[in-house]
């Protein structure tokens, strides 16, 4: 009896109207709070769980690889691919082309030999372009590839790089790289200076 009576009373309906209006606002707030609580708990879990122990080192690795990728656009070879297809020192010793290998005197121009006949300039650009900052007009202009396709110089190329540091890095990372089943021999190009000195010597005589 007690439960039936309030249903007949009109006051109950008024309560109903109020309860549908006000809780709508309350509901939104409570939903927000729930969401905030959820975020807070997930953050806590991330921080305390494996956020601190595990992702910390991997996120650093990611940062480094991202920096690498930012530095070197995808149109050029990656360092991983360079290393993967490069001969080890032991393997290099088996090839006669590396027997009397001398890197030469550091300068910003490198000399590449033992190139397969199907090698094109774009293949060399794909490899050595990673050592050039193409956003810099100066570096872009200094990057120069001369691939010899005829005569005695066939299978050889000269690559001009922006600076000695880039050339040294290219030499270190690309020497012994197998391109079209032939390992490239990368050295510093001989500068023209010694020839001039020799000529001057002749003139003096």
C-alpha atoms as a PDB file:
ATOM      1  CA  UNK A   1       0.000   0.000   0.000  1.00  0.00           C
ATOM      2  CA  UNK A   2       2.734   2.388   0.912  1.00  0.00           C
ATOM      3  CA  UNK A   3       4.459   1.936  -2.462  1.00  0.00           C
ATOM      4  CA  UNK A   4       1.307   2.291  -4.523  1.00  0.00           C
ATOM      5  CA  UNK A   5       0.230   5.592  -3.012  1.00  0.00           C
ATOM      6  CA  UNK A   6       3.103   7.840  -4.196  1.00  0.00           C
ATOM      7  CA  UNK A   7       2.493   6.766  -7.794  1.00  0.00           C
ATOM      8  CA  UNK A   8      -0.985   8.297  -7.728  1.00  0.00           C
ATOM      9  CA  UNK A   9       0.279  11.522  -6.172  1.00  0.00           C
ATOM     10  CA  UNK A  10       1.020  14.304  -8.679  1.00  0.00           C
ATOM     11  CA  UNK A  11       4.173  15.384  -6.872  1.00  0.00           C
ATOM     12  CA  UNK A  12       5.925  12.307  -8.165  1.00  0.00           C
ATOM     13  CA  UNK A  13       5.492  13.534 -11.749  1.00  0.00           C
ATOM     14  CA  UNK A  14       7.093  16.869 -10.886  1.00  0.00           C
ATOM     15  CA  UNK A  15       9.982  15.023  -9.354  1.00  0.00           C
ATOM     16  CA  UNK A  16      10.302  13.061 -12.576  1.00  0.00           C
ATOM     17  CA  UNK A  17      10.522  16.209 -14.694  1.00  0.00           C
ATOM     18  CA  UNK A  18      13.184  17.664 -12.473  1.00  0.00           C
ATOM     19  CA  UNK A  19      15.078  14.411 -12.351  1.00  0.00           C
ATOM     20  CA  UNK A  20      15.234  14.218 -16.174  1.00  0.00           C
ATOM     21  CA  UNK A  21      16.479  17.794 -16.525  1.00  0.00           C
ATOM     22  CA  UNK A  22      19.055  18.029 -13.756  1.00  0.00           C
ATOM     23  CA  UNK A  23      20.680  14.609 -14.049  1.00  0.00           C
ATOM     24  CA  UNK A  24      21.297  15.325 -17.737  1.00  0.00           C
ATOM     25  CA  UNK A  25      23.821  17.932 -16.592  1.00  0.00           C
ATOM     26  CA  UNK A  26      24.993  15.752 -13.772  1.00  0.00           C
ATOM     27  CA  UNK A  27      25.358  12.837 -16.130  1.00  0.00           C
ATOM     28  CA  UNK A  28      27.613  14.774 -18.469  1.00  0.00           C
ATOM     29  CA  UNK A  29      29.774  15.841 -15.561  1.00  0.00           C
ATOM     30  CA  UNK A  30      29.918  12.393 -14.124  1.00  0.00           C
ATOM     31  CA  UNK A  31      30.811  10.971 -17.550  1.00  0.00           C
ATOM     32  CA  UNK A  32      33.608  13.500 -17.830  1.00  0.00           C
ATOM     33  CA  UNK A  33      34.827  12.570 -14.403  1.00  0.00           C
ATOM     34  CA  UNK A  34      34.736   8.893 -15.299  1.00  0.00           C
ATOM     35  CA  UNK A  35      36.723   9.580 -18.433  1.00  0.00           C
ATOM     36  CA  UNK A  36      39.234  11.639 -16.493  1.00  0.00           C
ATOM     37  CA  UNK A  37      39.535   8.860 -13.991  1.00  0.00           C
ATOM     38  CA  UNK A  38      40.074   6.409 -16.808  1.00  0.00           C
ATOM     39  CA  UNK A  39      42.807   8.569 -18.329  1.00  0.00           C
ATOM     40  CA  UNK A  40      44.399   9.044 -14.962  1.00  0.00           C
ATOM     41  CA  UNK A  41      44.414   5.322 -14.247  1.00  0.00           C
ATOM     42  CA  UNK A  42      45.780   4.439 -17.682  1.00  0.00           C
ATOM     43  CA  UNK A  43      48.497   7.051 -17.267  1.00  0.00           C
ATOM     44  CA  UNK A  44      49.325   5.686 -13.864  1.00  0.00           C
ATOM     45  CA  UNK A  45      49.507   2.183 -15.276  1.00  0.00           C
ATOM     46  CA  UNK A  46      51.751   3.348 -18.092  1.00  0.00           C
ATOM     47  CA  UNK A  47      54.037   5.212 -15.748  1.00  0.00           C
ATOM     48  CA  UNK A  48      54.285   2.637 -13.040  1.00  0.00           C
ATOM     49  CA  UNK A  49      53.939  -0.493 -15.169  1.00  0.00           C
ATOM     50  CA  UNK A  50      56.277  -0.708 -18.090  1.00  0.00           C
ATOM     51  CA  UNK A  51      56.281   2.991 -18.984  1.00  0.00           C
ATOM     52  CA  UNK A  52      59.407   3.625 -16.988  1.00  0.00           C
ATOM     53  CA  UNK A  53      61.186   0.325 -17.298  1.00  0.00           C
ATOM     54  CA  UNK A  54      60.613  -0.812 -20.863  1.00  0.00           C
ATOM     55  CA  UNK A  55      59.571   1.914 -23.334  1.00  0.00           C
ATOM     56  CA  UNK A  56      62.122   4.394 -22.013  1.00  0.00           C
ATOM     57  CA  UNK A  57      65.109   2.821 -23.851  1.00  0.00           C
ATOM     58  CA  UNK A  58      63.061   1.836 -26.903  1.00  0.00           C
ATOM     59  CA  UNK A  59      61.669   5.363 -27.259  1.00  0.00           C
ATOM     60  CA  UNK A  60      65.240   6.654 -27.311  1.00  0.00           C
ATOM     61  CA  UNK A  61      66.090   4.171 -30.042  1.00  0.00           C
ATOM     62  CA  UNK A  62      63.061   5.323 -31.946  1.00  0.00           C
ATOM     63  CA  UNK A  63      64.192   8.912 -31.594  1.00  0.00           C
ATOM     64  CA  UNK A  64      67.605   8.037 -32.983  1.00  0.00           C
ATOM     65  CA  UNK A  65      66.212   6.109 -35.939  1.00  0.00           C
ATOM     66  CA  UNK A  66      63.734   8.885 -36.627  1.00  0.00           C
ATOM     67  CA  UNK A  67      66.576  11.381 -36.627  1.00  0.00           C
ATOM     68  CA  UNK A  68      68.440   9.181 -39.065  1.00  0.00           C
ATOM     69  CA  UNK A  69      65.378   9.008 -41.283  1.00  0.00           C
ATOM     70  CA  UNK A  70      64.872  12.746 -41.078  1.00  0.00           C
ATOM     71  CA  UNK A  71      68.482  13.321 -42.003  1.00  0.00           C
ATOM     72  CA  UNK A  72      68.438  10.977 -44.949  1.00  0.00           C
ATOM     73  CA  UNK A  73      65.416  11.000 -47.254  1.00  0.00           C
ATOM     74  CA  UNK A  74      64.027   7.639 -48.353  1.00  0.00           C
ATOM     75  CA  UNK A  75      65.200   8.174 -51.948  1.00  0.00           C
ATOM     76  CA  UNK A  76      68.704   7.284 -50.764  1.00  0.00           C
ATOM     77  CA  UNK A  77      70.102   4.073 -49.396  1.00  0.00           C
ATOM     78  CA  UNK A  78      69.799   3.473 -45.659  1.00  0.00           C
ATOM     79  CA  UNK A  79      72.802   2.779 -43.483  1.00  0.00           C
ATOM     80  CA  UNK A  80      71.335  -0.656 -42.699  1.00  0.00           C
ATOM     81  CA  UNK A  81      71.246  -1.623 -46.380  1.00  0.00           C
ATOM     82  CA  UNK A  82      74.763  -0.307 -46.872  1.00  0.00           C
ATOM     83  CA  UNK A  83      76.054  -2.436 -44.015  1.00  0.00           C
ATOM     84  CA  UNK A  84      74.042  -5.473 -45.090  1.00  0.00           C
ATOM     85  CA  UNK A  85      75.503  -5.558 -48.616  1.00  0.00           C
ATOM     86  CA  UNK A  86      79.036  -4.594 -47.693  1.00  0.00           C
ATOM     87  CA  UNK A  87      81.887  -7.068 -47.634  1.00  0.00           C
ATOM     88  CA  UNK A  88      83.644  -7.742 -44.352  1.00  0.00           C
ATOM     89  CA  UNK A  89      87.405  -7.151 -44.124  1.00  0.00           C
ATOM     90  CA  UNK A  90      88.016 -10.890 -44.384  1.00  0.00           C
ATOM     91  CA  UNK A  91      85.886 -11.084 -47.544  1.00  0.00           C
ATOM     92  CA  UNK A  92      87.649  -8.056 -49.043  1.00  0.00           C
ATOM     93  CA  UNK A  93      91.010  -9.811 -48.688  1.00  0.00           C
ATOM     94  CA  UNK A  94      89.804 -12.500 -51.100  1.00  0.00           C
ATOM     95  CA  UNK A  95      89.384  -9.938 -53.879  1.00  0.00           C
ATOM     96  CA  UNK A  96      92.458  -8.812 -55.790  1.00  0.00           C
ATOM     97  CA  UNK A  97      90.990  -5.297 -56.194  1.00  0.00           C
ATOM     98  CA  UNK A  98      91.347  -4.758 -52.438  1.00  0.00           C
ATOM     99  CA  UNK A  99      94.791  -6.322 -52.112  1.00  0.00           C
ATOM    100  CA  UNK A 100      96.842  -3.129 -52.256  1.00  0.00           C
ATOM    101  CA  UNK A 101      94.016  -0.889 -51.084  1.00  0.00           C
ATOM    102  CA  UNK A 102      94.991   2.565 -49.867  1.00  0.00           C
ATOM    103  CA  UNK A 103      92.292   5.106 -48.961  1.00  0.00           C
ATOM    104  CA  UNK A 104      94.481   8.015 -50.133  1.00  0.00           C
ATOM    105  CA  UNK A 105      94.710  11.556 -48.811  1.00  0.00           C
ATOM    106  CA  UNK A 106      91.434  12.922 -47.456  1.00  0.00           C
ATOM    107  CA  UNK A 107      89.642  15.442 -49.636  1.00  0.00           C
ATOM    108  CA  UNK A 108      86.059  16.123 -50.639  1.00  0.00           C
ATOM    109  CA  UNK A 109      86.232  14.059 -53.837  1.00  0.00           C
ATOM    110  CA  UNK A 110      86.089  10.290 -53.911  1.00  0.00           C
ATOM    111  CA  UNK A 111      87.113   7.837 -56.575  1.00  0.00           C
ATOM    112  CA  UNK A 112      85.087   4.663 -57.117  1.00  0.00           C
ATOM    113  CA  UNK A 113      86.273   1.728 -59.201  1.00  0.00           C
ATOM    114  CA  UNK A 114      85.362  -1.903 -59.952  1.00  0.00           C
ATOM    115  CA  UNK A 115      81.853  -0.869 -60.981  1.00  0.00           C
ATOM    116  CA  UNK A 116      79.644  -3.283 -62.901  1.00  0.00           C
ATOM    117  CA  UNK A 117      78.857  -2.253 -66.478  1.00  0.00           C
ATOM    118  CA  UNK A 118      75.139  -1.821 -65.734  1.00  0.00           C
ATOM    119  CA  UNK A 119      75.815   0.783 -63.031  1.00  0.00           C
ATOM    120  CA  UNK A 120      74.272   4.150 -63.853  1.00  0.00           C
ATOM    121  CA  UNK A 121      74.684   7.591 -62.308  1.00  0.00           C
ATOM    122  CA  UNK A 122      71.346   7.224 -60.515  1.00  0.00           C
ATOM    123  CA  UNK A 123      72.702   4.122 -58.704  1.00  0.00           C
ATOM    124  CA  UNK A 124      75.659   6.129 -57.430  1.00  0.00           C
ATOM    125  CA  UNK A 125      73.375   9.016 -56.496  1.00  0.00           C
ATOM    126  CA  UNK A 126      71.226   6.552 -54.541  1.00  0.00           C
ATOM    127  CA  UNK A 127      74.279   5.522 -52.500  1.00  0.00           C
ATOM    128  CA  UNK A 128      76.281   8.735 -52.167  1.00  0.00           C
ATOM    129  CA  UNK A 129      73.335  11.131 -52.070  1.00  0.00           C
ATOM    130  CA  UNK A 130      72.829  10.198 -48.416  1.00  0.00           C
ATOM    131  CA  UNK A 131      75.960  12.216 -47.563  1.00  0.00           C
ATOM    132  CA  UNK A 132      74.551  15.419 -49.043  1.00  0.00           C
ATOM    133  CA  UNK A 133      72.088  17.855 -47.519  1.00  0.00           C
ATOM    134  CA  UNK A 134      69.862  18.581 -50.508  1.00  0.00           C
ATOM    135  CA  UNK A 135      68.124  21.423 -48.680  1.00  0.00           C
ATOM    136  CA  UNK A 136      71.383  23.343 -48.843  1.00  0.00           C
ATOM    137  CA  UNK A 137      71.972  24.856 -52.270  1.00  0.00           C
ATOM    138  CA  UNK A 138      75.730  24.923 -51.682  1.00  0.00           C
ATOM    139  CA  UNK A 139      75.873  21.204 -50.878  1.00  0.00           C
ATOM    140  CA  UNK A 140      73.540  20.404 -53.770  1.00  0.00           C
ATOM    141  CA  UNK A 141      75.811  22.221 -56.202  1.00  0.00           C
ATOM    142  CA  UNK A 142      78.932  20.542 -54.857  1.00  0.00           C
ATOM    143  CA  UNK A 143      77.475  17.070 -55.275  1.00  0.00           C
ATOM    144  CA  UNK A 144      78.752  15.826 -58.589  1.00  0.00           C
ATOM    145  CA  UNK A 145      78.969  12.361 -60.135  1.00  0.00           C
ATOM    146  CA  UNK A 146      81.096  11.515 -63.151  1.00  0.00           C
ATOM    147  CA  UNK A 147      80.686   7.941 -64.255  1.00  0.00           C
ATOM    148  CA  UNK A 148      83.043   6.697 -66.958  1.00  0.00           C
ATOM    149  CA  UNK A 149      81.356   4.348 -69.394  1.00  0.00           C
ATOM    150  CA  UNK A 150      83.910   4.134 -72.196  1.00  0.00           C
ATOM    151  CA  UNK A 151      87.603   3.617 -72.741  1.00  0.00           C
ATOM    152  CA  UNK A 152      90.179   2.732 -70.119  1.00  0.00           C
ATOM    153  CA  UNK A 153      88.284   4.520 -67.351  1.00  0.00           C
ATOM    154  CA  UNK A 154      85.206   2.333 -67.835  1.00  0.00           C
ATOM    155  CA  UNK A 155      83.759   1.072 -64.541  1.00  0.00           C
ATOM    156  CA  UNK A 156      85.145   4.017 -62.605  1.00  0.00           C
ATOM    157  CA  UNK A 157      83.561   7.134 -61.220  1.00  0.00           C
ATOM    158  CA  UNK A 158      84.393  10.354 -59.411  1.00  0.00           C
ATOM    159  CA  UNK A 159      81.981  11.683 -56.823  1.00  0.00           C
ATOM    160  CA  UNK A 160      82.274  15.225 -55.507  1.00  0.00           C
ATOM    161  CA  UNK A 161      80.891  15.661 -52.001  1.00  0.00           C
ATOM    162  CA  UNK A 162      80.268  18.860 -49.977  1.00  0.00           C
ATOM    163  CA  UNK A 163      83.204  18.406 -47.615  1.00  0.00           C
ATOM    164  CA  UNK A 164      85.980  16.133 -46.402  1.00  0.00           C
ATOM    165  CA  UNK A 165      83.896  14.832 -43.516  1.00  0.00           C
ATOM    166  CA  UNK A 166      81.129  13.655 -45.862  1.00  0.00           C
ATOM    167  CA  UNK A 167      83.715  12.086 -48.182  1.00  0.00           C
ATOM    168  CA  UNK A 168      85.413  10.267 -45.288  1.00  0.00           C
ATOM    169  CA  UNK A 169      82.058   8.929 -44.096  1.00  0.00           C
ATOM    170  CA  UNK A 170      81.136   7.817 -47.614  1.00  0.00           C
ATOM    171  CA  UNK A 171      84.471   6.065 -48.035  1.00  0.00           C
ATOM    172  CA  UNK A 172      84.144   4.268 -44.703  1.00  0.00           C
ATOM    173  CA  UNK A 173      80.558   3.130 -45.257  1.00  0.00           C
ATOM    174  CA  UNK A 174      80.503   2.424 -49.001  1.00  0.00           C
ATOM    175  CA  UNK A 175      83.895   0.786 -49.587  1.00  0.00           C
ATOM    176  CA  UNK A 176      83.229  -2.882 -50.319  1.00  0.00           C
ATOM    177  CA  UNK A 177      79.509  -2.337 -50.954  1.00  0.00           C
ATOM    178  CA  UNK A 178      78.326  -4.925 -53.469  1.00  0.00           C
ATOM    179  CA  UNK A 179      76.515  -3.224 -56.338  1.00  0.00           C
ATOM    180  CA  UNK A 180      75.251  -5.481 -59.128  1.00  0.00           C
ATOM    181  CA  UNK A 181      77.284  -8.365 -57.655  1.00  0.00           C
ATOM    182  CA  UNK A 182      80.546  -6.408 -57.779  1.00  0.00           C
ATOM    183  CA  UNK A 183      82.122  -4.832 -54.691  1.00  0.00           C
ATOM    184  CA  UNK A 184      82.898  -1.138 -55.109  1.00  0.00           C
ATOM    185  CA  UNK A 185      86.395   0.061 -54.274  1.00  0.00           C
ATOM    186  CA  UNK A 186      86.099   3.543 -52.763  1.00  0.00           C
ATOM    187  CA  UNK A 187      89.124   5.797 -52.262  1.00  0.00           C
ATOM    188  CA  UNK A 188      89.824   9.474 -51.935  1.00  0.00           C
ATOM    189  CA  UNK A 189      90.422  10.906 -55.387  1.00  0.00           C
ATOM    190  CA  UNK A 190      93.948  12.114 -56.006  1.00  0.00           C
ATOM    191  CA  UNK A 191      93.931  15.862 -55.956  1.00  0.00           C
ATOM    192  CA  UNK A 192      95.297  17.788 -58.901  1.00  0.00           C
ATOM    193  CA  UNK A 193      97.866  19.549 -56.728  1.00  0.00           C
ATOM    194  CA  UNK A 194     100.724  17.037 -56.941  1.00  0.00           C
ATOM    195  CA  UNK A 195     100.574  17.191 -60.760  1.00  0.00           C
ATOM    196  CA  UNK A 196     100.965  20.971 -60.664  1.00  0.00           C
ATOM    197  CA  UNK A 197     103.967  20.618 -58.376  1.00  0.00           C
ATOM    198  CA  UNK A 198     105.484  18.111 -60.771  1.00  0.00           C
ATOM    199  CA  UNK A 199     104.951  20.490 -63.672  1.00  0.00           C
ATOM    200  CA  UNK A 200     106.523  23.326 -61.730  1.00  0.00           C
ATOM    201  CA  UNK A 201     109.495  21.092 -61.004  1.00  0.00           C
ATOM    202  CA  UNK A 202     109.873  20.392 -64.712  1.00  0.00           C
ATOM    203  CA  UNK A 203     109.666  24.079 -65.529  1.00  0.00           C
ATOM    204  CA  UNK A 204     112.408  24.892 -63.044  1.00  0.00           C
ATOM    205  CA  UNK A 205     114.633  22.324 -64.672  1.00  0.00           C
END
